[in-house]
Amino acid sequence: MIELNKQYERFGISETVYRFGESILNSLEPRFKQIDEIAEYNQLKVIRAMQECNVSEACLLGTTGYGYNDLGRDTLEKVYASFFHTEDALVRPQITCGTHALALALMSNLRPGDELMSPVGKPYDTLEEVIGIRPSKGSLKEYGISYKQVDLLADGSFDYDGIRAAISDKTKLVTIQRSKGYQTRPTLSVARIGELIRFIKDIRQDIVCMVDNCYGEFVEIIEPTDVGADMVVGSLIKNPGGGLAPIGGYIAGRKECVENAAYRLTSPGLGKEVGASLGILSSFYEGLFLSPIVTANALKGAVFAANIYEKLGFPVVPDGSESRHDIIQAVTFGCPEGVIAFCQGIQAAASVDSFVTPEPWDMPGYDSQVIMAAGAFVSGSSIELSADGPIAPPYAVYFQGGLTFPHAKLGILKTLQNLVDQQIVSADFDRL
């Protein structure tokens, strides 16, 4: 028998921590089998979309300059539209990150005098400046676009009465954040998103419903566009890039919404016709091909982390047994030392920059110090093994990624070892 524990010892993992991890892992076999079945289903969906769109070797080559008649770029956008069951898609390296993709979708589909509404509470921190909740140059607020928010109820359910009262003649677009962001609320399932969209459309059919799909792609067998979303928006250095895409974002949805975004990204009169793919299309295609399996590995890591820390008595969202709707695992430590020790453990498990010690810093776009651990092949890629969190109450850390499950497992065991070494967690696992 292979002595795996000896390998883990080389990473500073004690026999006690290793055995505790194995005891948790042994109980997760049925759960992992379910994750693998979803990954297989989604892998077949991706392959089918590629076949339907006649992806060829020529699609992998790319263009420079203006990018006119870029076969690979245009075909890739057809693949995304096919997978998401939408009329059109915009998939570009010129979209720099998830926040940029969301800002692009909002700014191109809202006009002065319109109102944006979030029926699921506070958006992710970096969107606050996009909207103008926190003052920033070029925000929607500066362009005369107002914002309204309806918080979730205490039990995490939608405040339907509040939403109905908030919708006015000015309400043009509703943004629904699928993942939890820096909150400890449950992530929204696609089914729940569909219920919310139907409720909104029953009030006003013309309201555009946009879903921030970051961290949620391929976690379920359906996507928000299958339940009525007019647009889904995401980042290629998260799930759909499969760990290979070096940059990029996507917007998929109704043709008008996507065209508006294309004209905002490039220029009026140009739209989707320009935008060279610069030789990275093979990474986009292969990343999408691999993404269902890569996402499954990240999900397994999240489930493993949830069960480890729940067993130790820490609040975790989602908990160790509930259904998953994104790859993020929140663990609340209640003290900054726990967040910092966790992130430093993740960094120490990295293949890249493992020797670096992450510290909290004043990161642009956030209103408190943030610590981020990510020794990634693609800078900032959160489908790779990573963790981050604001140094603010309730002192929760957000873990995500792992291109392979063994790497995610190592990362989680290193976090636990770090917490044990710093006496934040007791090593008396036999009592659990």
Protein backbone atom coordinates (compact mmCIF):
# COMPACT_ATOMS: atom_id res chain seq x y z
CA MET A 1 0.00 0.00 0.00
CA ILE A 2 1.22 3.49 -0.87
CA GLU A 3 2.15 5.40 2.26
CA LEU A 4 0.43 8.65 1.40
CA ASN A 5 0.90 9.92 4.92
CA LYS A 6 4.66 9.99 4.33
CA GLN A 7 4.17 12.35 1.40
CA TYR A 8 2.00 14.63 3.50
CA GLU A 9 4.65 14.60 6.26
CA ARG A 10 7.01 16.26 3.76
CA PHE A 11 4.55 19.17 3.64
CA GLY A 12 4.54 19.48 7.42
CA ILE A 13 1.21 17.64 7.90
CA SER A 14 1.27 15.70 11.18
CA GLU A 15 0.02 12.13 11.44
CA THR A 16 -2.82 13.36 13.67
CA VAL A 17 -4.07 15.92 11.16
CA TYR A 18 -3.67 13.46 8.27
CA ARG A 19 -5.69 10.74 10.05
CA PHE A 20 -8.43 13.22 10.92
CA GLY A 21 -8.64 14.28 7.28
CA GLU A 22 -8.84 10.64 6.13
CA SER A 23 -11.66 9.89 8.56
CA ILE A 24 -13.65 12.79 7.08
CA LEU A 25 -12.79 11.81 3.52
CA ASN A 26 -13.96 8.22 3.96
CA SER A 27 -17.48 9.42 4.72
CA LEU A 28 -17.72 11.51 1.55
CA GLU A 29 -17.62 8.79 -1.12
CA PRO A 30 -21.38 8.94 -1.95
CA ARG A 31 -21.23 12.74 -2.13
CA PHE A 32 -18.23 12.69 -4.45
CA LYS A 33 -19.98 10.18 -6.72
CA GLN A 34 -22.89 12.61 -7.10
CA ILE A 35 -20.50 15.43 -7.99
CA ASP A 36 -18.84 13.22 -10.62
CA GLU A 37 -22.22 12.44 -12.20
CA ILE A 38 -23.02 16.17 -12.55
CA ALA A 39 -19.56 16.74 -14.05
CA GLU A 40 -20.13 13.96 -16.58
CA TYR A 41 -23.51 15.43 -17.55
CA ASN A 42 -22.01 18.89 -18.04
CA GLN A 43 -19.00 17.52 -19.91
CA LEU A 44 -21.37 16.00 -22.45
CA LYS A 45 -23.23 19.33 -22.71
CA VAL A 46 -19.99 21.15 -23.52
CA ILE A 47 -18.91 18.57 -26.10
CA ARG A 48 -22.35 18.70 -27.72
CA ALA A 49 -22.21 22.51 -27.93
CA MET A 50 -18.76 22.32 -29.57
CA GLN A 51 -19.95 19.74 -32.08
CA GLU A 52 -23.12 21.69 -32.91
CA CYS A 53 -21.01 24.77 -33.67
CA ASN A 54 -18.50 22.86 -35.84
CA VAL A 55 -15.42 23.74 -33.81
CA SER A 56 -12.42 23.07 -36.01
CA GLU A 57 -8.65 23.26 -35.74
CA ALA A 58 -8.80 26.61 -37.54
CA CYS A 59 -10.84 27.99 -34.61
CA LEU A 60 -7.81 27.66 -32.34
CA LEU A 61 -5.53 30.01 -34.29
CA GLY A 62 -6.76 33.54 -33.55
CA THR A 63 -6.12 36.96 -35.06
CA THR A 64 -4.33 40.26 -34.43
CA GLY A 65 -5.10 43.89 -35.17
CA TYR A 66 -8.77 44.65 -35.73
CA GLY A 67 -9.74 41.00 -35.55
CA TYR A 68 -12.15 41.13 -38.46
CA ASN A 69 -13.66 37.76 -39.44
CA ASP A 70 -12.09 35.95 -36.49
CA LEU A 71 -13.51 32.46 -37.01
CA GLY A 72 -12.38 31.12 -33.65
CA ARG A 73 -13.71 34.07 -31.65
CA ASP A 74 -17.08 34.05 -33.41
CA THR A 75 -17.43 30.26 -33.12
CA LEU A 76 -16.52 30.33 -29.42
CA GLU A 77 -19.32 32.83 -28.82
CA LYS A 78 -21.71 30.49 -30.63
CA VAL A 79 -20.52 27.65 -28.37
CA TYR A 80 -21.26 29.70 -25.24
CA ALA A 81 -24.68 30.66 -26.59
CA SER A 82 -25.39 27.01 -27.36
CA PHE A 83 -24.30 25.82 -23.92
CA PHE A 84 -26.29 28.51 -22.08
CA HIS A 85 -29.27 28.15 -24.47
CA THR A 86 -29.21 31.86 -25.32
CA GLU A 87 -29.54 33.93 -28.47
CA ASP A 88 -26.03 35.33 -28.35
CA ALA A 89 -22.84 35.60 -26.27
CA LEU A 90 -19.84 37.89 -25.91
CA VAL A 91 -16.65 36.05 -24.86
CA ARG A 92 -13.55 38.22 -25.01
CA PRO A 93 -10.03 38.57 -23.63
CA GLN A 94 -10.68 42.33 -23.62
CA ILE A 95 -13.05 41.74 -20.67
CA THR A 96 -10.48 41.84 -17.89
CA CYS A 97 -12.30 40.25 -14.93
CA GLY A 98 -15.69 39.39 -13.44
CA THR A 99 -16.26 42.91 -12.11
CA HIS A 100 -15.49 44.33 -15.56
CA ALA A 101 -17.96 41.89 -17.19
CA LEU A 102 -20.68 42.89 -14.73
CA ALA A 103 -19.96 46.60 -15.11
CA LEU A 104 -20.05 46.21 -18.89
CA ALA A 105 -23.41 44.41 -18.79
CA LEU A 106 -24.90 47.05 -16.49
CA MET A 107 -23.50 50.17 -18.16
CA SER A 108 -24.50 49.00 -21.64
CA ASN A 109 -28.07 48.07 -20.74
CA LEU A 110 -28.95 51.00 -18.45
CA ARG A 111 -29.51 54.62 -19.44
CA PRO A 112 -29.70 57.87 -17.46
CA GLY A 113 -32.95 57.93 -15.50
CA ASP A 114 -33.14 54.14 -15.26
CA GLU A 115 -33.06 52.29 -11.96
CA LEU A 116 -31.06 49.21 -11.04
CA MET A 117 -32.39 46.96 -8.31
CA SER A 118 -30.87 44.09 -6.32
CA PRO A 119 -33.56 41.87 -4.78
CA VAL A 120 -30.97 39.72 -2.98
CA GLY A 121 -29.34 42.32 -0.75
CA LYS A 122 -25.90 43.90 -0.91
CA PRO A 123 -23.83 43.10 -4.01
CA TYR A 124 -20.22 41.97 -3.98
CA ASP A 125 -17.84 44.62 -2.65
CA THR A 126 -16.23 45.54 -5.98
CA LEU A 127 -19.64 46.34 -7.47
CA GLU A 128 -20.31 49.00 -4.85
CA GLU A 129 -18.11 51.47 -6.69
CA VAL A 130 -19.53 50.42 -10.07
CA ILE A 131 -23.04 51.21 -8.82
CA GLY A 132 -22.03 54.27 -6.81
CA ILE A 133 -22.90 52.98 -3.35
CA ARG A 134 -19.37 54.06 -2.60
CA PRO A 135 -18.39 57.14 -4.65
CA SER A 136 -16.15 56.40 -7.62
CA LYS A 137 -15.38 58.04 -10.94
CA GLY A 138 -17.52 56.71 -13.78
CA SER A 139 -20.08 54.98 -11.54
CA LEU A 140 -23.66 54.39 -12.62
CA LYS A 141 -24.70 57.03 -10.10
CA GLU A 142 -22.58 59.64 -11.90
CA TYR A 143 -24.56 58.88 -15.06
CA GLY A 144 -27.91 59.40 -13.36
CA ILE A 145 -28.74 55.74 -12.84
CA SER A 146 -30.31 55.12 -9.43
CA TYR A 147 -30.02 52.02 -7.29
CA LYS A 148 -32.44 50.25 -4.99
CA GLN A 149 -31.85 47.23 -2.79
CA VAL A 150 -34.17 44.75 -1.09
CA ASP A 151 -32.46 42.62 1.55
CA LEU A 152 -33.14 38.95 2.05
CA LEU A 153 -35.28 38.03 5.03
CA ALA A 154 -33.63 36.75 8.22
CA ASP A 155 -34.11 33.13 7.12
CA GLY A 156 -32.44 33.79 3.75
CA SER A 157 -35.70 33.81 1.76
CA PHE A 158 -36.74 36.48 -0.71
CA ASP A 159 -38.73 39.43 0.58
CA TYR A 160 -41.40 39.20 -2.11
CA ASP A 161 -43.55 41.95 -0.59
CA GLY A 162 -40.53 44.25 -0.40
CA ILE A 163 -39.53 43.45 -3.97
CA ARG A 164 -43.02 44.16 -5.29
CA ALA A 165 -43.08 47.49 -3.44
CA ALA A 166 -39.59 48.43 -4.70
CA ILE A 167 -40.30 47.91 -8.40
CA SER A 168 -41.31 51.17 -10.06
CA ASP A 169 -41.72 52.56 -13.56
CA LYS A 170 -38.02 53.46 -13.48
CA THR A 171 -36.86 49.89 -12.72
CA LYS A 172 -35.06 48.73 -15.85
CA LEU A 173 -32.70 45.98 -14.71
CA VAL A 174 -32.57 43.56 -11.78
CA THR A 175 -29.21 42.09 -10.79
CA ILE A 176 -29.21 38.73 -9.00
CA GLN A 177 -25.96 37.62 -7.42
CA ARG A 178 -25.89 33.83 -7.37
CA SER A 179 -22.90 33.41 -5.07
CA LYS A 180 -22.63 34.75 -1.54
CA GLY A 181 -19.70 37.15 -2.01
CA TYR A 182 -18.25 38.26 1.33
CA GLN A 183 -21.42 37.26 3.15
CA THR A 184 -22.46 34.14 4.99
CA ARG A 185 -25.86 33.83 3.33
CA PRO A 186 -26.66 30.69 1.31
CA THR A 187 -25.74 30.70 -2.36
CA LEU A 188 -28.83 30.79 -4.58
CA SER A 189 -29.72 27.61 -6.44
CA VAL A 190 -30.75 27.89 -10.09
CA ALA A 191 -34.26 26.78 -9.08
CA ARG A 192 -34.56 29.62 -6.55
CA ILE A 193 -33.25 32.10 -9.09
CA GLY A 194 -35.93 30.88 -11.49
CA GLU A 195 -38.65 31.45 -8.88
CA LEU A 196 -37.43 34.99 -8.31
CA ILE A 197 -37.26 35.78 -12.03
CA ARG A 198 -40.81 34.48 -12.59
CA PHE A 199 -42.05 36.67 -9.75
CA ILE A 200 -40.36 39.76 -11.21
CA LYS A 201 -41.54 39.03 -14.76
CA ASP A 202 -45.11 38.62 -13.52
CA ILE A 203 -44.92 42.20 -12.23
CA ARG A 204 -43.17 43.67 -15.29
CA GLN A 205 -42.26 41.47 -18.25
CA ASP A 206 -39.91 44.10 -19.68
CA ILE A 207 -37.53 44.18 -16.69
CA VAL A 208 -34.13 42.77 -17.65
CA CYS A 209 -33.03 40.04 -15.22
CA MET A 210 -29.25 39.67 -15.05
CA VAL A 211 -27.52 36.95 -13.03
CA ASP A 212 -23.99 37.30 -11.70
CA ASN A 213 -23.03 33.69 -12.42
CA CYS A 214 -19.48 33.86 -11.01
CA TYR A 215 -18.39 30.65 -9.22
CA GLY A 216 -21.65 28.87 -10.18
CA GLU A 217 -21.09 27.54 -13.69
CA PHE A 218 -21.22 23.72 -14.05
CA VAL A 219 -22.12 23.17 -10.40
CA GLU A 220 -25.66 22.15 -11.38
CA ILE A 221 -26.98 20.57 -14.57
CA ILE A 222 -28.89 23.74 -15.51
CA GLU A 223 -27.87 27.40 -15.66
CA PRO A 224 -29.85 30.57 -14.85
CA THR A 225 -30.62 31.15 -18.55
CA ASP A 226 -32.57 27.87 -18.46
CA VAL A 227 -34.97 29.42 -15.92
CA GLY A 228 -35.61 32.80 -17.49
CA ALA A 229 -32.50 34.97 -16.97
CA ASP A 230 -32.05 37.54 -19.75
CA MET A 231 -28.29 37.62 -19.16
CA VAL A 232 -25.68 35.60 -17.31
CA VAL A 233 -22.28 37.14 -16.65
CA GLY A 234 -19.03 35.59 -15.49
CA SER A 235 -15.25 35.46 -15.51
CA LEU A 236 -13.04 33.08 -17.48
CA ILE A 237 -10.48 32.90 -14.67
CA LYS A 238 -13.15 31.22 -12.60
CA ASN A 239 -15.11 28.07 -13.50
CA PRO A 240 -15.57 28.31 -17.30
CA GLY A 241 -11.90 28.93 -18.01
CA GLY A 242 -10.97 25.54 -16.59
CA GLY A 243 -7.73 26.93 -15.16
CA LEU A 244 -6.31 27.50 -18.65
CA ALA A 245 -7.87 30.80 -19.72
CA PRO A 246 -5.32 33.52 -18.84
CA ILE A 247 -7.90 36.36 -18.87
CA GLY A 248 -11.40 37.09 -20.08
CA GLY A 249 -15.07 37.26 -19.28
CA TYR A 250 -18.40 36.41 -20.86
CA ILE A 251 -21.94 37.74 -21.20
CA ALA A 252 -24.56 35.38 -22.60
CA GLY A 253 -28.23 36.14 -23.12
CA ARG A 254 -30.77 37.91 -25.27
CA LYS A 255 -29.34 39.25 -28.51
CA GLU A 256 -30.19 42.88 -27.71
CA CYS A 257 -28.51 42.73 -24.29
CA VAL A 258 -25.35 41.15 -25.72
CA GLU A 259 -25.21 43.61 -28.64
CA ASN A 260 -25.51 46.52 -26.23
CA ALA A 261 -22.55 45.12 -24.28
CA ALA A 262 -20.49 44.62 -27.45
CA TYR A 263 -21.01 48.24 -28.54
CA ARG A 264 -19.98 49.43 -25.08
CA LEU A 265 -16.90 47.18 -25.02
CA THR A 266 -15.62 48.36 -28.40
CA SER A 267 -17.40 51.33 -30.02
CA PRO A 268 -20.75 52.34 -31.49
CA GLY A 269 -20.80 51.08 -35.06
CA LEU A 270 -18.19 48.38 -34.38
CA GLY A 271 -19.64 46.07 -31.72
CA LYS A 272 -18.72 42.39 -32.05
CA GLU A 273 -17.00 42.82 -35.42
CA VAL A 274 -13.68 43.86 -33.89
CA GLY A 275 -11.53 42.53 -31.07
CA ALA A 276 -8.59 40.31 -31.91
CA SER A 277 -8.23 37.04 -30.01
CA LEU A 278 -4.41 37.37 -29.88
CA GLY A 279 -3.51 33.68 -29.97
CA ILE A 280 -5.22 32.58 -26.76
CA LEU A 281 -8.30 30.91 -28.24
CA SER A 282 -6.92 27.41 -27.74
CA SER A 283 -6.79 28.13 -23.99
CA PHE A 284 -10.39 29.38 -24.06
CA TYR A 285 -11.64 26.30 -25.92
CA GLU A 286 -9.65 23.74 -23.95
CA GLY A 287 -10.44 25.51 -20.68
CA LEU A 288 -14.16 25.33 -21.43
CA PHE A 289 -13.78 21.66 -22.39
CA LEU A 290 -12.08 20.87 -19.05
CA SER A 291 -14.20 23.14 -16.88
CA PRO A 292 -16.89 20.62 -15.80
CA ILE A 293 -14.21 18.31 -14.39
CA VAL A 294 -12.14 21.14 -12.91
CA THR A 295 -15.26 22.57 -11.27
CA ALA A 296 -16.04 19.11 -9.84
CA ASN A 297 -12.56 18.98 -8.28
CA ALA A 298 -13.10 22.39 -6.71
CA LEU A 299 -16.50 21.28 -5.40
CA LYS A 300 -14.98 18.21 -3.78
CA GLY A 301 -12.44 20.43 -2.05
CA ALA A 302 -15.23 22.70 -0.79
CA VAL A 303 -17.23 19.74 0.56
CA PHE A 304 -14.11 18.36 2.23
CA ALA A 305 -13.39 21.74 3.86
CA ALA A 306 -16.99 22.11 5.03
CA ASN A 307 -16.95 18.72 6.74
CA ILE A 308 -13.53 19.27 8.31
CA TYR A 309 -14.38 22.62 9.88
CA GLU A 310 -17.97 21.77 10.76
CA LYS A 311 -16.64 18.79 12.72
CA LEU A 312 -14.34 21.17 14.57
CA GLY A 313 -17.30 23.33 15.59
CA PHE A 314 -16.86 26.32 13.27
CA PRO A 315 -19.88 27.79 11.43
CA VAL A 316 -19.66 26.85 7.75
CA VAL A 317 -21.78 27.93 4.77
CA PRO A 318 -22.86 25.71 3.11
CA ASP A 319 -22.79 23.09 5.83
CA GLY A 320 -21.25 19.67 5.31
CA SER A 321 -24.35 17.97 3.92
CA GLU A 322 -26.49 20.55 2.11
CA SER A 323 -26.69 20.90 -1.66
CA ARG A 324 -24.04 23.01 -3.42
CA HIS A 325 -24.69 25.83 -5.87
CA ASP A 326 -21.22 27.36 -6.21
CA ILE A 327 -17.63 26.41 -5.44
CA ILE A 328 -17.13 28.78 -2.51
CA GLN A 329 -16.87 27.54 1.07
CA ALA A 330 -17.21 30.05 3.89
CA VAL A 331 -15.76 29.27 7.32
CA THR A 332 -16.32 31.73 10.18
CA PHE A 333 -13.54 31.86 12.78
CA GLY A 334 -14.71 34.87 14.78
CA CYS A 335 -11.18 36.25 15.01
CA PRO A 336 -8.74 37.74 12.48
CA GLU A 337 -6.02 35.27 13.50
CA GLY A 338 -8.11 32.37 12.18
CA VAL A 339 -8.66 34.01 8.79
CA ILE A 340 -4.97 34.86 8.46
CA ALA A 341 -3.76 31.40 9.53
CA PHE A 342 -6.16 29.72 7.08
CA CYS A 343 -5.00 31.85 4.14
CA GLN A 344 -1.35 31.34 5.00
CA GLY A 345 -1.96 27.58 5.02
CA ILE A 346 -3.48 27.74 1.52
CA GLN A 347 -0.52 29.76 0.26
CA ALA A 348 1.94 27.28 1.73
CA ALA A 349 0.25 24.49 -0.28
CA ALA A 350 0.60 26.33 -3.60
CA SER A 351 2.76 25.17 -6.51
CA VAL A 352 3.60 28.80 -7.32
CA ASP A 353 4.81 31.25 -4.64
CA SER A 354 4.50 28.75 -1.80
CA PHE A 355 7.31 30.59 0.00
CA VAL A 356 5.28 33.83 0.15
CA THR A 357 3.41 34.77 3.34
CA PRO A 358 0.15 36.60 2.58
CA GLU A 359 -0.81 39.51 4.82
CA PRO A 360 -3.92 41.74 4.99
CA TRP A 361 -3.71 44.88 2.81
CA ASP A 362 -5.79 47.77 1.50
CA MET A 363 -6.95 46.15 -1.73
CA PRO A 364 -8.59 48.42 -4.36
CA GLY A 365 -12.37 48.06 -4.48
CA TYR A 366 -12.84 46.99 -0.85
CA ASP A 367 -13.74 49.04 2.21
CA SER A 368 -11.68 47.00 4.69
CA GLN A 369 -8.34 45.24 4.59
CA VAL A 370 -8.41 41.94 2.70
CA ILE A 371 -6.08 38.95 2.83
CA MET A 372 -5.73 36.84 -0.28
CA ALA A 373 -3.89 33.56 -0.77
CA ALA A 374 -3.41 32.39 -4.35
CA GLY A 375 -0.29 30.74 -5.64
CA ALA A 376 -1.78 30.41 -9.10
CA PHE A 377 -0.53 29.72 -12.63
CA VAL A 378 -2.91 32.51 -13.75
CA SER A 379 -2.69 35.55 -11.48
CA GLY A 380 -5.90 35.97 -9.49
CA SER A 381 -7.48 32.81 -10.86
CA SER A 382 -9.99 31.69 -8.24
CA ILE A 383 -10.75 28.36 -9.89
CA GLU A 384 -7.23 27.51 -8.72
CA LEU A 385 -6.56 26.79 -5.04
CA SER A 386 -7.19 30.07 -3.28
CA ALA A 387 -8.72 31.71 -0.22
CA ASP A 388 -9.49 35.24 0.84
CA GLY A 389 -11.51 37.28 3.27
CA PRO A 390 -11.98 40.75 4.71
CA ILE A 391 -10.39 41.45 8.06
CA ALA A 392 -13.72 42.50 9.55
CA PRO A 393 -16.42 40.84 11.68
CA PRO A 394 -17.54 38.08 11.62
CA TYR A 395 -14.02 37.16 10.43
CA ALA A 396 -15.01 34.60 7.82
CA VAL A 397 -12.68 33.15 5.20
CA TYR A 398 -13.82 32.16 1.71
CA PHE A 399 -12.11 29.14 0.19
CA GLN A 400 -12.44 28.12 -3.43
CA GLY A 401 -10.80 26.24 -6.22
CA GLY A 402 -8.34 23.47 -6.74
CA LEU A 403 -7.70 22.32 -10.31
CA THR A 404 -7.28 18.81 -8.89
CA PHE A 405 -8.80 17.37 -5.76
CA PRO A 406 -5.43 16.17 -4.35
CA HIS A 407 -4.24 19.79 -4.43
CA ALA A 408 -7.43 21.01 -2.73
CA LYS A 409 -7.02 18.28 -0.10
CA LEU A 410 -3.43 19.31 0.58
CA GLY A 411 -4.51 22.93 0.91
CA ILE A 412 -7.22 22.15 3.45
CA LEU A 413 -4.91 19.94 5.52
CA LYS A 414 -2.28 22.72 5.52
CA THR A 415 -4.87 25.22 6.80
CA LEU A 416 -5.78 22.87 9.62
CA GLN A 417 -2.15 22.19 10.46
CA ASN A 418 -1.53 25.95 10.57
CA LEU A 419 -4.45 26.48 12.94
CA VAL A 420 -3.26 23.64 15.16
CA ASP A 421 0.32 24.96 15.21
CA GLN A 422 -0.93 28.40 16.23
CA GLN A 423 -3.18 26.85 18.90
CA ILE A 424 -6.33 28.29 17.35
CA VAL A 425 -7.61 24.71 16.99
CA SER A 426 -7.00 21.87 19.44
CA ALA A 427 -5.28 18.77 18.05
CA ASP A 428 -7.39 16.54 20.29
CA PHE A 429 -9.31 15.09 17.34
CA ASP A 430 -10.12 11.81 19.09
CA ARG A 431 -12.80 13.57 21.17
CA LEU A 432 -14.75 14.54 18.03
